[in-house]
């Protein structure tokens, strides 16, 4: 038992019969008398029993399925690209509208400032004329 009172965990022993042992080329060649010929025979032993037409059909079916999946992905990507293009054009149009409004506001501000400056200039000119008239009047009264 461990410190806390629970039974200690034990791992079952690993059996070598369950796990396949790696086979290397050298062990295969050393176990056979003819070496290369026996190795080739062992490697090609199951090939004669294969149904090549069935294998070709499976390959064709798998490639067709992958083509369909690829076409679906291409179509989905095209749809997403359309959405992105519409979104980006919308933001460009909104930015252009904002820029135009900002430009109009600035132009209006400049025009209002110019009108205000002109009215101040006219007012100051009138004030100066009034002072000149008052001085001229005072000068005439002093002479008399």
C-alpha atoms as a PDB file:
ATOM      1  CA  UNK A   1       0.000   0.000   0.000  1.00  0.00           C
ATOM      2  CA  UNK A   2       1.119   3.508  -0.610  1.00  0.00           C
ATOM      3  CA  UNK A   3       1.205   6.366   1.893  1.00  0.00           C
ATOM      4  CA  UNK A   4      -2.410   7.410   1.459  1.00  0.00           C
ATOM      5  CA  UNK A   5      -3.850   3.954   1.902  1.00  0.00           C
ATOM      6  CA  UNK A   6      -4.583   3.132  -1.741  1.00  0.00           C
ATOM      7  CA  UNK A   7      -3.086   0.013  -3.251  1.00  0.00           C
ATOM      8  CA  UNK A   8       0.059   0.579  -5.272  1.00  0.00           C
ATOM      9  CA  UNK A   9      -0.427   0.445  -9.017  1.00  0.00           C
ATOM     10  CA  UNK A  10       1.380  -2.345 -10.746  1.00  0.00           C
ATOM     11  CA  UNK A  11       1.919  -2.618 -14.457  1.00  0.00           C
ATOM     12  CA  UNK A  12       1.465  -5.978 -16.113  1.00  0.00           C
ATOM     13  CA  UNK A  13       4.609  -7.486 -17.590  1.00  0.00           C
ATOM     14  CA  UNK A  14       5.117  -6.830 -21.266  1.00  0.00           C
ATOM     15  CA  UNK A  15       4.902  -9.965 -23.312  1.00  0.00           C
ATOM     16  CA  UNK A  16       7.198 -10.261 -26.301  1.00  0.00           C
ATOM     17  CA  UNK A  17       4.759 -12.580 -28.057  1.00  0.00           C
ATOM     18  CA  UNK A  18       2.201  -9.774 -28.506  1.00  0.00           C
ATOM     19  CA  UNK A  19       4.543  -7.187 -29.995  1.00  0.00           C
ATOM     20  CA  UNK A  20       5.885  -7.955 -33.450  1.00  0.00           C
ATOM     21  CA  UNK A  21       9.637  -8.125 -33.602  1.00  0.00           C
ATOM     22  CA  UNK A  22      11.282  -5.960 -36.262  1.00  0.00           C
ATOM     23  CA  UNK A  23      12.677  -7.907 -39.142  1.00  0.00           C
ATOM     24  CA  UNK A  24      15.696  -6.536 -40.833  1.00  0.00           C
ATOM     25  CA  UNK A  25      17.225  -7.466 -44.140  1.00  0.00           C
ATOM     26  CA  UNK A  26      20.266  -9.151 -42.633  1.00  0.00           C
ATOM     27  CA  UNK A  27      18.261 -11.579 -40.494  1.00  0.00           C
ATOM     28  CA  UNK A  28      16.144 -12.519 -43.492  1.00  0.00           C
ATOM     29  CA  UNK A  29      19.195 -13.116 -45.665  1.00  0.00           C
ATOM     30  CA  UNK A  30      21.085 -15.081 -43.020  1.00  0.00           C
ATOM     31  CA  UNK A  31      18.150 -17.402 -42.374  1.00  0.00           C
ATOM     32  CA  UNK A  32      17.894 -18.387 -46.024  1.00  0.00           C
ATOM     33  CA  UNK A  33      20.408 -20.394 -47.925  1.00  0.00           C
ATOM     34  CA  UNK A  34      20.204 -18.599 -51.281  1.00  0.00           C
ATOM     35  CA  UNK A  35      20.177 -15.050 -49.876  1.00  0.00           C
ATOM     36  CA  UNK A  36      18.798 -12.601 -52.418  1.00  0.00           C
ATOM     37  CA  UNK A  37      16.608 -15.090 -54.277  1.00  0.00           C
ATOM     38  CA  UNK A  38      14.867 -16.220 -51.107  1.00  0.00           C
ATOM     39  CA  UNK A  39      14.449 -12.628 -49.926  1.00  0.00           C
ATOM     40  CA  UNK A  40      12.790 -11.621 -53.191  1.00  0.00           C
ATOM     41  CA  UNK A  41      10.614 -14.713 -53.046  1.00  0.00           C
ATOM     42  CA  UNK A  42       9.460 -13.892 -49.525  1.00  0.00           C
ATOM     43  CA  UNK A  43       8.742 -10.268 -50.385  1.00  0.00           C
ATOM     44  CA  UNK A  44       6.811 -11.085 -53.550  1.00  0.00           C
ATOM     45  CA  UNK A  45       4.998 -14.106 -52.161  1.00  0.00           C
ATOM     46  CA  UNK A  46       1.662 -12.339 -51.569  1.00  0.00           C
ATOM     47  CA  UNK A  47       1.748 -10.319 -54.778  1.00  0.00           C
ATOM     48  CA  UNK A  48       0.643 -13.217 -56.962  1.00  0.00           C
ATOM     49  CA  UNK A  49      -2.547 -13.610 -54.951  1.00  0.00           C
ATOM     50  CA  UNK A  50      -3.516  -9.909 -55.241  1.00  0.00           C
ATOM     51  CA  UNK A  51      -6.462  -8.885 -57.338  1.00  0.00           C
ATOM     52  CA  UNK A  52      -4.882  -6.059 -59.306  1.00  0.00           C
ATOM     53  CA  UNK A  53      -8.156  -4.983 -60.928  1.00  0.00           C
ATOM     54  CA  UNK A  54      -9.704  -4.587 -57.496  1.00  0.00           C
ATOM     55  CA  UNK A  55      -6.657  -2.617 -56.322  1.00  0.00           C
ATOM     56  CA  UNK A  56      -6.864  -0.352 -59.369  1.00  0.00           C
ATOM     57  CA  UNK A  57     -10.585   0.139 -58.772  1.00  0.00           C
ATOM     58  CA  UNK A  58      -9.983   1.036 -55.115  1.00  0.00           C
ATOM     59  CA  UNK A  59      -7.279   3.487 -56.176  1.00  0.00           C
ATOM     60  CA  UNK A  60      -9.572   5.075 -58.771  1.00  0.00           C
ATOM     61  CA  UNK A  61     -12.408   5.334 -56.234  1.00  0.00           C
ATOM     62  CA  UNK A  62     -10.092   6.903 -53.653  1.00  0.00           C
ATOM     63  CA  UNK A  63      -8.787   9.416 -56.192  1.00  0.00           C
ATOM     64  CA  UNK A  64     -12.361  10.259 -57.261  1.00  0.00           C
ATOM     65  CA  UNK A  65     -13.322  10.834 -53.622  1.00  0.00           C
ATOM     66  CA  UNK A  66     -10.302  13.070 -53.090  1.00  0.00           C
ATOM     67  CA  UNK A  67     -11.195  14.987 -56.256  1.00  0.00           C
ATOM     68  CA  UNK A  68     -14.743  15.527 -54.967  1.00  0.00           C
ATOM     69  CA  UNK A  69     -13.436  16.746 -51.617  1.00  0.00           C
ATOM     70  CA  UNK A  70     -10.984  19.052 -53.382  1.00  0.00           C
ATOM     71  CA  UNK A  71     -13.773  20.434 -55.601  1.00  0.00           C
ATOM     72  CA  UNK A  72     -15.936  21.045 -52.521  1.00  0.00           C
ATOM     73  CA  UNK A  73     -13.080  22.882 -50.820  1.00  0.00           C
ATOM     74  CA  UNK A  74     -12.451  24.920 -53.960  1.00  0.00           C
ATOM     75  CA  UNK A  75     -16.143  25.891 -54.159  1.00  0.00           C
ATOM     76  CA  UNK A  76     -16.230  26.824 -50.463  1.00  0.00           C
ATOM     77  CA  UNK A  77     -13.065  28.888 -50.863  1.00  0.00           C
ATOM     78  CA  UNK A  78     -14.578  30.681 -53.862  1.00  0.00           C
ATOM     79  CA  UNK A  79     -17.698  31.537 -51.825  1.00  0.00           C
ATOM     80  CA  UNK A  80     -15.585  32.836 -48.947  1.00  0.00           C
ATOM     81  CA  UNK A  81     -13.539  34.890 -51.398  1.00  0.00           C
ATOM     82  CA  UNK A  82     -16.739  36.439 -52.763  1.00  0.00           C
ATOM     83  CA  UNK A  83     -17.841  37.364 -49.237  1.00  0.00           C
ATOM     84  CA  UNK A  84     -14.424  38.842 -48.458  1.00  0.00           C
ATOM     85  CA  UNK A  85     -14.424  40.825 -51.710  1.00  0.00           C
ATOM     86  CA  UNK A  86     -17.882  42.231 -50.966  1.00  0.00           C
ATOM     87  CA  UNK A  87     -16.801  43.113 -47.413  1.00  0.00           C
ATOM     88  CA  UNK A  88     -13.630  44.840 -48.573  1.00  0.00           C
ATOM     89  CA  UNK A  89     -15.504  46.822 -51.242  1.00  0.00           C
ATOM     90  CA  UNK A  90     -18.070  47.897 -48.656  1.00  0.00           C
ATOM     91  CA  UNK A  91     -15.389  49.207 -46.332  1.00  0.00           C
ATOM     92  CA  UNK A  92     -13.721  51.047 -49.212  1.00  0.00           C
ATOM     93  CA  UNK A  93     -17.024  52.688 -50.145  1.00  0.00           C
ATOM     94  CA  UNK A  94     -17.667  53.677 -46.525  1.00  0.00           C
ATOM     95  CA  UNK A  95     -14.169  55.135 -46.245  1.00  0.00           C
ATOM     96  CA  UNK A  96     -14.702  57.111 -49.441  1.00  0.00           C
ATOM     97  CA  UNK A  97     -18.029  58.458 -48.124  1.00  0.00           C
ATOM     98  CA  UNK A  98     -16.394  59.469 -44.835  1.00  0.00           C
ATOM     99  CA  UNK A  99     -13.517  61.146 -46.657  1.00  0.00           C
ATOM    100  CA  UNK A 100     -15.952  63.099 -48.840  1.00  0.00           C
ATOM    101  CA  UNK A 101     -17.957  64.239 -45.792  1.00  0.00           C
ATOM    102  CA  UNK A 102     -14.738  65.230 -44.023  1.00  0.00           C
ATOM    103  CA  UNK A 103     -13.594  67.210 -47.084  1.00  0.00           C
ATOM    104  CA  UNK A 104     -16.952  69.001 -47.342  1.00  0.00           C
ATOM    105  CA  UNK A 105     -16.835  69.840 -43.625  1.00  0.00           C
ATOM    106  CA  UNK A 106     -13.321  71.240 -43.958  1.00  0.00           C
ATOM    107  CA  UNK A 107     -14.306  73.297 -47.009  1.00  0.00           C
ATOM    108  CA  UNK A 108     -17.327  74.678 -45.153  1.00  0.00           C
ATOM    109  CA  UNK A 109     -15.137  75.560 -42.159  1.00  0.00           C
ATOM    110  CA  UNK A 110     -12.642  77.374 -44.395  1.00  0.00           C
ATOM    111  CA  UNK A 111     -15.415  79.274 -46.164  1.00  0.00           C
ATOM    112  CA  UNK A 112     -17.018  80.246 -42.834  1.00  0.00           C
ATOM    113  CA  UNK A 113     -13.635  81.385 -41.540  1.00  0.00           C
ATOM    114  CA  UNK A 114     -13.085  83.514 -44.645  1.00  0.00           C
ATOM    115  CA  UNK A 115     -16.547  85.105 -44.299  1.00  0.00           C
ATOM    116  CA  UNK A 116     -15.901  85.759 -40.605  1.00  0.00           C
ATOM    117  CA  UNK A 117     -12.516  87.305 -41.390  1.00  0.00           C
ATOM    118  CA  UNK A 118     -14.070  89.542 -44.059  1.00  0.00           C
ATOM    119  CA  UNK A 119     -16.775  90.733 -41.667  1.00  0.00           C
ATOM    120  CA  UNK A 120     -14.168  91.479 -38.961  1.00  0.00           C
ATOM    121  CA  UNK A 121     -12.050  93.351 -41.503  1.00  0.00           C
ATOM    122  CA  UNK A 122     -15.078  95.422 -42.577  1.00  0.00           C
ATOM    123  CA  UNK A 123     -15.985  96.085 -38.926  1.00  0.00           C
ATOM    124  CA  UNK A 124     -12.436  97.229 -38.068  1.00  0.00           C
ATOM    125  CA  UNK A 125     -12.348  99.394 -41.189  1.00  0.00           C
ATOM    126  CA  UNK A 126     -15.630 101.017 -40.109  1.00  0.00           C
ATOM    127  CA  UNK A 127     -14.259 101.539 -36.565  1.00  0.00           C
ATOM    128  CA  UNK A 128     -11.119 103.203 -37.957  1.00  0.00           C
ATOM    129  CA  UNK A 129     -13.254 105.466 -40.190  1.00  0.00           C
ATOM    130  CA  UNK A 130     -15.408 106.382 -37.192  1.00  0.00           C
ATOM    131  CA  UNK A 131     -12.278 107.311 -35.170  1.00  0.00           C
ATOM    132  CA  UNK A 132     -10.949 109.332 -38.106  1.00  0.00           C
ATOM    133  CA  UNK A 133     -14.279 111.167 -38.365  1.00  0.00           C
ATOM    134  CA  UNK A 134     -14.275 111.819 -34.622  1.00  0.00           C
ATOM    135  CA  UNK A 135     -10.695 113.163 -34.760  1.00  0.00           C
ATOM    136  CA  UNK A 136     -11.526 115.346 -37.727  1.00  0.00           C
ATOM    137  CA  UNK A 137     -14.528 116.729 -35.844  1.00  0.00           C
ATOM    138  CA  UNK A 138     -12.408 117.402 -32.748  1.00  0.00           C
ATOM    139  CA  UNK A 139      -9.775 119.135 -34.855  1.00  0.00           C
ATOM    140  CA  UNK A 140     -12.413 121.417 -36.381  1.00  0.00           C
ATOM    141  CA  UNK A 141     -13.803 122.278 -32.966  1.00  0.00           C
ATOM    142  CA  UNK A 142     -10.314 123.098 -31.696  1.00  0.00           C
ATOM    143  CA  UNK A 143      -9.737 125.480 -34.556  1.00  0.00           C
ATOM    144  CA  UNK A 144     -12.815 127.475 -33.893  1.00  0.00           C
END
